[in-house]
């Protein structure tokens, strides 16, 4: 498995910030802050998911490239 990309890391960070806002909003009764935190958390989840998708595509392309290279090496023997 490859290293997480920027979208994954930033998405996770947005989720953390959103969760903090949501909890502070709940604790203080600030419905606006709570809603803002929920939205930020959801956006962070989407960004992280997009990053995971991009990483999966990249890993697949790398695997296909490796398979082609291995096949070419076997043919050349």
PDB file of N, CA and C in Angstrom:
ATOM      1  N   UNK A   1       0.847  -1.176   0.000  1.00  0.00           N
ATOM      2  CA  UNK A   1       0.000   0.000   0.000  1.00  0.00           C
ATOM      3  C   UNK A   1       0.893   1.241   0.000  1.00  0.00           C
ATOM      4  N   UNK A   2       0.506   2.218  -0.783  1.00  0.00           N
ATOM      5  CA  UNK A   2       1.323   3.421  -0.911  1.00  0.00           C
ATOM      6  C   UNK A   2       1.031   4.427   0.207  1.00  0.00           C
ATOM      7  N   UNK A   3       1.807   5.455   0.221  1.00  0.00           N
ATOM      8  CA  UNK A   3       1.688   6.510   1.233  1.00  0.00           C
ATOM      9  C   UNK A   3       0.463   7.378   0.929  1.00  0.00           C
ATOM     10  N   UNK A   4      -0.309   7.747   1.955  1.00  0.00           N
ATOM     11  CA  UNK A   4      -1.462   8.632   1.726  1.00  0.00           C
ATOM     12  C   UNK A   4      -1.030   9.943   1.055  1.00  0.00           C
ATOM     13  N   UNK A   5      -1.904  10.467   0.204  1.00  0.00           N
ATOM     14  CA  UNK A   5      -1.594  11.702  -0.516  1.00  0.00           C
ATOM     15  C   UNK A   5      -2.138  12.925   0.229  1.00  0.00           C
ATOM     16  N   UNK A   6      -1.915  14.109  -0.332  1.00  0.00           N
ATOM     17  CA  UNK A   6      -2.324  15.357   0.318  1.00  0.00           C
ATOM     18  C   UNK A   6      -3.819  15.429   0.553  1.00  0.00           C
ATOM     19  N   UNK A   7      -4.617  14.963  -0.414  1.00  0.00           N
ATOM     20  CA  UNK A   7      -6.067  15.012  -0.227  1.00  0.00           C
ATOM     21  C   UNK A   7      -6.506  14.175   0.964  1.00  0.00           C
ATOM     22  N   UNK A   8      -5.889  13.024   1.136  1.00  0.00           N
ATOM     23  CA  UNK A   8      -6.235  12.184   2.282  1.00  0.00           C
ATOM     24  C   UNK A   8      -5.867  12.869   3.600  1.00  0.00           C
ATOM     25  N   UNK A   9      -4.664  13.417   3.661  1.00  0.00           N
ATOM     26  CA  UNK A   9      -4.203  14.072   4.889  1.00  0.00           C
ATOM     27  C   UNK A   9      -5.019  15.324   5.197  1.00  0.00           C
ATOM     28  N   UNK A  10      -5.244  16.151   4.178  1.00  0.00           N
ATOM     29  CA  UNK A  10      -6.028  17.373   4.391  1.00  0.00           C
ATOM     30  C   UNK A  10      -7.470  17.044   4.754  1.00  0.00           C
ATOM     31  N   UNK A  11      -8.017  16.014   4.119  1.00  0.00           N
ATOM     32  CA  UNK A  11      -9.380  15.605   4.438  1.00  0.00           C
ATOM     33  C   UNK A  11      -9.513  15.152   5.878  1.00  0.00           C
ATOM     34  N   UNK A  12      -8.539  14.384   6.334  1.00  0.00           N
ATOM     35  CA  UNK A  12      -8.548  13.918   7.725  1.00  0.00           C
ATOM     36  C   UNK A  12      -8.444  15.109   8.682  1.00  0.00           C
ATOM     37  N   UNK A  13      -7.589  16.078   8.347  1.00  0.00           N
ATOM     38  CA  UNK A  13      -7.417  17.267   9.186  1.00  0.00           C
ATOM     39  C   UNK A  13      -8.725  18.069   9.246  1.00  0.00           C
ATOM     40  N   UNK A  14      -9.400  18.209   8.107  1.00  0.00           N
ATOM     41  CA  UNK A  14     -10.684  18.927   8.090  1.00  0.00           C
ATOM     42  C   UNK A  14     -11.716  18.204   8.952  1.00  0.00           C
ATOM     43  N   UNK A  15     -11.666  16.880   8.954  1.00  0.00           N
ATOM     44  CA  UNK A  15     -12.589  16.120   9.796  1.00  0.00           C
ATOM     45  C   UNK A  15     -12.336  16.392  11.275  1.00  0.00           C
ATOM     46  N   UNK A  16     -11.070  16.443  11.636  1.00  0.00           N
ATOM     47  CA  UNK A  16     -10.719  16.712  13.039  1.00  0.00           C
ATOM     48  C   UNK A  16     -11.214  18.095  13.443  1.00  0.00           C
ATOM     49  N   UNK A  17     -10.937  19.100  12.608  1.00  0.00           N
ATOM     50  CA  UNK A  17     -11.380  20.463  12.930  1.00  0.00           C
ATOM     51  C   UNK A  17     -12.900  20.525  12.989  1.00  0.00           C
ATOM     52  N   UNK A  18     -13.568  19.842  12.060  1.00  0.00           N
ATOM     53  CA  UNK A  18     -15.026  19.840  12.056  1.00  0.00           C
ATOM     54  C   UNK A  18     -15.601  19.198  13.310  1.00  0.00           C
ATOM     55  N   UNK A  19     -14.994  18.106  13.735  1.00  0.00           N
ATOM     56  CA  UNK A  19     -15.466  17.420  14.938  1.00  0.00           C
ATOM     57  C   UNK A  19     -15.305  18.306  16.163  1.00  0.00           C
ATOM     58  N   UNK A  20     -14.181  19.014  16.240  1.00  0.00           N
ATOM     59  CA  UNK A  20     -13.959  19.922  17.377  1.00  0.00           C
ATOM     60  C   UNK A  20     -15.031  21.012  17.385  1.00  0.00           C
ATOM     61  N   UNK A  21     -15.274  21.631  16.225  1.00  0.00           N
ATOM     62  CA  UNK A  21     -16.301  22.680  16.147  1.00  0.00           C
ATOM     63  C   UNK A  21     -17.668  22.131  16.541  1.00  0.00           C
ATOM     64  N   UNK A  22     -17.970  20.943  16.036  1.00  0.00           N
ATOM     65  CA  UNK A  22     -19.258  20.330  16.335  1.00  0.00           C
ATOM     66  C   UNK A  22     -19.427  20.104  17.834  1.00  0.00           C
ATOM     67  N   UNK A  23     -18.407  19.571  18.475  1.00  0.00           N
ATOM     68  CA  UNK A  23     -18.475  19.292  19.918  1.00  0.00           C
ATOM     69  C   UNK A  23     -18.531  20.569  20.741  1.00  0.00           C
ATOM     70  N   UNK A  24     -17.763  21.583  20.345  1.00  0.00           N
ATOM     71  CA  UNK A  24     -17.809  22.866  21.054  1.00  0.00           C
ATOM     72  C   UNK A  24     -19.191  23.485  20.890  1.00  0.00           C
ATOM     73  N   UNK A  25     -19.737  23.395  19.685  1.00  0.00           N
ATOM     74  CA  UNK A  25     -21.084  23.907  19.442  1.00  0.00           C
ATOM     75  C   UNK A  25     -22.119  23.204  20.293  1.00  0.00           C
ATOM     76  N   UNK A  26     -21.989  21.876  20.404  1.00  0.00           N
ATOM     77  CA  UNK A  26     -22.905  21.106  21.261  1.00  0.00           C
ATOM     78  C   UNK A  26     -22.778  21.538  22.715  1.00  0.00           C
ATOM     79  N   UNK A  27     -21.531  21.684  23.185  1.00  0.00           N
ATOM     80  CA  UNK A  27     -21.292  22.015  24.587  1.00  0.00           C
ATOM     81  C   UNK A  27     -21.774  23.412  24.948  1.00  0.00           C
ATOM     82  N   UNK A  28     -21.676  24.334  24.000  1.00  0.00           N
ATOM     83  CA  UNK A  28     -22.041  25.724  24.284  1.00  0.00           C
ATOM     84  C   UNK A  28     -23.465  26.065  23.833  1.00  0.00           C
ATOM     85  N   UNK A  29     -24.108  25.123  23.162  1.00  0.00           N
ATOM     86  CA  UNK A  29     -25.453  25.394  22.670  1.00  0.00           C
ATOM     87  C   UNK A  29     -25.464  26.267  21.418  1.00  0.00           C
ATOM     88  N   UNK A  30     -24.327  26.380  20.765  1.00  0.00           N
ATOM     89  CA  UNK A  30     -24.216  27.193  19.550  1.00  0.00           C
ATOM     90  C   UNK A  30     -24.528  26.299  18.345  1.00  0.00           C
ATOM     91  N   UNK A  31     -25.801  26.321  17.938  1.00  0.00           N
ATOM     92  CA  UNK A  31     -26.257  25.446  16.848  1.00  0.00           C
ATOM     93  C   UNK A  31     -25.553  25.780  15.528  1.00  0.00           C
ATOM     94  N   UNK A  32     -25.227  27.041  15.333  1.00  0.00           N
ATOM     95  CA  UNK A  32     -24.548  27.455  14.104  1.00  0.00           C
ATOM     96  C   UNK A  32     -23.149  26.847  14.029  1.00  0.00           C
ATOM     97  N   UNK A  33     -22.410  26.907  15.109  1.00  0.00           N
ATOM     98  CA  UNK A  33     -21.067  26.331  15.153  1.00  0.00           C
ATOM     99  C   UNK A  33     -21.146  24.808  15.008  1.00  0.00           C
ATOM    100  N   UNK A  34     -22.127  24.207  15.640  1.00  0.00           N
ATOM    101  CA  UNK A  34     -22.315  22.766  15.535  1.00  0.00           C
ATOM    102  C   UNK A  34     -22.566  22.360  14.079  1.00  0.00           C
ATOM    103  N   UNK A  35     -23.450  23.095  13.409  1.00  0.00           N
ATOM    104  CA  UNK A  35     -23.759  22.809  12.004  1.00  0.00           C
ATOM    105  C   UNK A  35     -22.534  23.036  11.111  1.00  0.00           C
ATOM    106  N   UNK A  36     -21.790  24.089  11.403  1.00  0.00           N
ATOM    107  CA  UNK A  36     -20.571  24.375  10.636  1.00  0.00           C
ATOM    108  C   UNK A  36     -19.577  23.225  10.787  1.00  0.00           C
ATOM    109  N   UNK A  37     -19.470  22.702  11.995  1.00  0.00           N
ATOM    110  CA  UNK A  37     -18.574  21.578  12.245  1.00  0.00           C
ATOM    111  C   UNK A  37     -19.020  20.320  11.520  1.00  0.00           C
ATOM    112  N   UNK A  38     -20.317  20.064  11.509  1.00  0.00           N
ATOM    113  CA  UNK A  38     -20.838  18.897  10.795  1.00  0.00           C
ATOM    114  C   UNK A  38     -20.530  18.995   9.304  1.00  0.00           C
ATOM    115  N   UNK A  39     -20.711  20.192   8.739  1.00  0.00           N
ATOM    116  CA  UNK A  39     -20.433  20.405   7.322  1.00  0.00           C
ATOM    117  C   UNK A  39     -18.941  20.225   7.031  1.00  0.00           C
ATOM    118  N   UNK A  40     -18.112  20.803   7.873  1.00  0.00           N
ATOM    119  CA  UNK A  40     -16.665  20.693   7.672  1.00  0.00           C
ATOM    120  C   UNK A  40     -16.216  19.235   7.778  1.00  0.00           C
ATOM    121  N   UNK A  41     -16.796  18.504   8.696  1.00  0.00           N
ATOM    122  CA  UNK A  41     -16.483  17.088   8.854  1.00  0.00           C
ATOM    123  C   UNK A  41     -16.868  16.317   7.588  1.00  0.00           C
ATOM    124  N   UNK A  42     -18.061  16.582   7.061  1.00  0.00           N
ATOM    125  CA  UNK A  42     -18.529  15.902   5.849  1.00  0.00           C
ATOM    126  C   UNK A  42     -17.643  16.243   4.646  1.00  0.00           C
ATOM    127  N   UNK A  43     -17.259  17.503   4.542  1.00  0.00           N
ATOM    128  CA  UNK A  43     -16.369  17.906   3.447  1.00  0.00           C
ATOM    129  C   UNK A  43     -15.015  17.217   3.568  1.00  0.00           C
ATOM    130  N   UNK A  44     -14.528  17.098   4.789  1.00  0.00           N
ATOM    131  CA  UNK A  44     -13.258  16.408   5.018  1.00  0.00           C
ATOM    132  C   UNK A  44     -13.342  14.938   4.639  1.00  0.00           C
ATOM    133  N   UNK A  45     -14.468  14.300   4.956  1.00  0.00           N
ATOM    134  CA  UNK A  45     -14.661  12.901   4.577  1.00  0.00           C
ATOM    135  C   UNK A  45     -14.641  12.753   3.059  1.00  0.00           C
ATOM    136  N   UNK A  46     -15.310  13.678   2.377  1.00  0.00           N
ATOM    137  CA  UNK A  46     -15.332  13.633   0.909  1.00  0.00           C
ATOM    138  C   UNK A  46     -13.935  13.806   0.334  1.00  0.00           C
ATOM    139  N   UNK A  47     -13.181  14.752   0.874  1.00  0.00           N
ATOM    140  CA  UNK A  47     -11.831  14.995   0.376  1.00  0.00           C
ATOM    141  C   UNK A  47     -10.937  13.778   0.637  1.00  0.00           C
ATOM    142  N   UNK A  48     -11.071  13.182   1.806  1.00  0.00           N
ATOM    143  CA  UNK A  48     -10.267  12.001   2.117  1.00  0.00           C
ATOM    144  C   UNK A  48     -10.633  10.845   1.175  1.00  0.00           C
ATOM    145  N   UNK A  49     -11.919  10.657   0.930  1.00  0.00           N
ATOM    146  CA  UNK A  49     -12.371   9.601   0.024  1.00  0.00           C
ATOM    147  C   UNK A  49     -11.825   9.825  -1.384  1.00  0.00           C
ATOM    148  N   UNK A  50     -11.843  11.079  -1.847  1.00  0.00           N
ATOM    149  CA  UNK A  50     -11.297  11.410  -3.160  1.00  0.00           C
ATOM    150  C   UNK A  50      -9.802  11.060  -3.204  1.00  0.00           C
ATOM    151  N   UNK A  51      -9.092  11.381  -2.151  1.00  0.00           N
ATOM    152  CA  UNK A  51      -7.669  11.060  -2.087  1.00  0.00           C
ATOM    153  C   UNK A  51      -7.422   9.565  -2.126  1.00  0.00           C
ATOM    154  N   UNK A  52      -8.242   8.793  -1.414  1.00  0.00           N
ATOM    155  CA  UNK A  52      -8.101   7.341  -1.429  1.00  0.00           C
ATOM    156  C   UNK A  52      -8.384   6.790  -2.826  1.00  0.00           C
ATOM    157  N   UNK A  53      -9.376   7.355  -3.503  1.00  0.00           N
ATOM    158  CA  UNK A  53      -9.687   6.932  -4.865  1.00  0.00           C
ATOM    159  C   UNK A  53      -8.492   7.194  -5.782  1.00  0.00           C
ATOM    160  N   UNK A  54      -7.935   8.415  -5.692  1.00  0.00           N
ATOM    161  CA  UNK A  54      -6.791   8.761  -6.531  1.00  0.00           C
ATOM    162  C   UNK A  54      -5.612   7.833  -6.259  1.00  0.00           C
ATOM    163  N   UNK A  55      -5.380   7.517  -4.998  1.00  0.00           N
ATOM    164  CA  UNK A  55      -4.276   6.613  -4.643  1.00  0.00           C
ATOM    165  C   UNK A  55      -4.533   5.221  -5.206  1.00  0.00           C
ATOM    166  N   UNK A  56      -5.781   4.773  -5.147  1.00  0.00           N
ATOM    167  CA  UNK A  56      -6.118   3.460  -5.692  1.00  0.00           C
ATOM    168  C   UNK A  56      -5.876   3.391  -7.191  1.00  0.00           C
ATOM    169  N   UNK A  57      -6.247   4.452  -7.903  1.00  0.00           N
ATOM    170  CA  UNK A  57      -6.006   4.497  -9.345  1.00  0.00           C
ATOM    171  C   UNK A  57      -4.510   4.461  -9.618  1.00  0.00           C
ATOM    172  N   UNK A  58      -3.756   5.237  -8.870  1.00  0.00           N
ATOM    173  CA  UNK A  58      -2.303   5.277  -9.044  1.00  0.00           C
ATOM    174  C   UNK A  58      -1.685   3.905  -8.770  1.00  0.00           C
ATOM    175  N   UNK A  59      -2.131   3.254  -7.703  1.00  0.00           N
ATOM    176  CA  UNK A  59      -1.604   1.931  -7.376  1.00  0.00           C
ATOM    177  C   UNK A  59      -1.937   0.926  -8.478  1.00  0.00           C
ATOM    178  N   UNK A  60      -3.140   1.020  -9.029  1.00  0.00           N
ATOM    179  CA  UNK A  60      -3.544   0.120 -10.109  1.00  0.00           C
ATOM    180  C   UNK A  60      -2.687   0.332 -11.346  1.00  0.00           C
ATOM    181  N   UNK A  61      -2.458   1.582 -11.689  1.00  0.00           N
ATOM    182  CA  UNK A  61      -1.623   1.891 -12.854  1.00  0.00           C
ATOM    183  C   UNK A  61      -0.200   1.361 -12.636  1.00  0.00           C
ATOM    184  N   UNK A  62       0.311   1.536 -11.429  1.00  0.00           N
ATOM    185  CA  UNK A  62       1.645   1.007 -11.126  1.00  0.00           C
ATOM    186  C   UNK A  62       1.680  -0.514 -11.268  1.00  0.00           C
ATOM    187  N   UNK A  63       0.635  -1.188 -10.799  1.00  0.00           N
ATOM    188  CA  UNK A  63       0.570  -2.648 -10.890  1.00  0.00           C
ATOM    189  C   UNK A  63       0.517  -3.118 -12.337  1.00  0.00           C
ATOM    190  N   UNK A  64      -0.263  -2.422 -13.154  1.00  0.00           N
ATOM    191  CA  UNK A  64      -0.355  -2.777 -14.569  1.00  0.00           C
ATOM    192  C   UNK A  64       1.005  -2.567 -15.239  1.00  0.00           C
ATOM    193  N   UNK A  65       1.647  -1.459 -14.932  1.00  0.00           N
ATOM    194  CA  UNK A  65       2.974  -1.193 -15.488  1.00  0.00           C
ATOM    195  C   UNK A  65       3.973  -2.267 -15.091  1.00  0.00           C
ATOM    196  N   UNK A  66       3.928  -2.683 -13.819  1.00  0.00           N
ATOM    197  CA  UNK A  66       4.835  -3.743 -13.356  1.00  0.00           C
ATOM    198  C   UNK A  66       4.546  -5.057 -14.070  1.00  0.00           C
ATOM    199  N   UNK A  67       3.274  -5.370 -14.277  1.00  0.00           N
ATOM    200  CA  UNK A  67       2.907  -6.609 -14.963  1.00  0.00           C
ATOM    201  C   UNK A  67       3.400  -6.593 -16.401  1.00  0.00           C
ATOM    202  N   UNK A  68       3.268  -5.464 -17.067  1.00  0.00           N
ATOM    203  CA  UNK A  68       3.749  -5.343 -18.450  1.00  0.00           C
ATOM    204  C   UNK A  68       5.266  -5.500 -18.495  1.00  0.00           C
ATOM    205  N   UNK A  69       5.951  -4.867 -17.564  1.00  0.00           N
ATOM    206  CA  UNK A  69       7.415  -4.956 -17.509  1.00  0.00           C
ATOM    207  C   UNK A  69       7.853  -6.399 -17.251  1.00  0.00           C
ATOM    208  N   UNK A  70       7.189  -7.072 -16.317  1.00  0.00           N
ATOM    209  CA  UNK A  70       7.542  -8.460 -16.013  1.00  0.00           C
ATOM    210  C   UNK A  70       7.287  -9.373 -17.209  1.00  0.00           C
ATOM    211  N   UNK A  71       6.185  -9.141 -17.899  1.00  0.00           N
ATOM    212  CA  UNK A  71       5.867  -9.932 -19.093  1.00  0.00           C
ATOM    213  C   UNK A  71       6.928  -9.711 -20.165  1.00  0.00           C
ATOM    214  N   UNK A  72       7.315  -8.465 -20.373  1.00  0.00           N
ATOM    215  CA  UNK A  72       8.350  -8.153 -21.365  1.00  0.00           C
ATOM    216  C   UNK A  72       9.674  -8.807 -20.987  1.00  0.00           C
ATOM    217  N   UNK A  73      10.028  -8.786 -19.715  1.00  0.00           N
ATOM    218  CA  UNK A  73      11.263  -9.418 -19.257  1.00  0.00           C
ATOM    219  C   UNK A  73      11.222 -10.931 -19.495  1.00  0.00           C
ATOM    220  N   UNK A  74      10.063 -11.547 -19.250  1.00  0.00           N
ATOM    221  CA  UNK A  74       9.932 -12.990 -19.457  1.00  0.00           C
ATOM    222  C   UNK A  74      10.026 -13.359 -20.930  1.00  0.00           C
ATOM    223  N   UNK A  75       9.494 -12.514 -21.789  1.00  0.00           N
ATOM    224  CA  UNK A  75       9.544 -12.776 -23.222  1.00  0.00           C
ATOM    225  C   UNK A  75      10.980 -12.664 -23.728  1.00  0.00           C
ATOM    226  N   UNK A  76      11.731 -11.723 -23.194  1.00  0.00           N
ATOM    227  CA  UNK A  76      13.089 -11.460 -23.650  1.00  0.00           C
ATOM    228  C   UNK A  76      14.107 -12.489 -23.157  1.00  0.00           C
ATOM    229  N   UNK A  77      13.706 -13.402 -22.311  1.00  0.00           N
ATOM    230  CA  UNK A  77      14.641 -14.396 -21.766  1.00  0.00           C
ATOM    231  C   UNK A  77      14.883 -15.483 -22.737  1.00  0.00           C
TER     232      UNK A  77
END
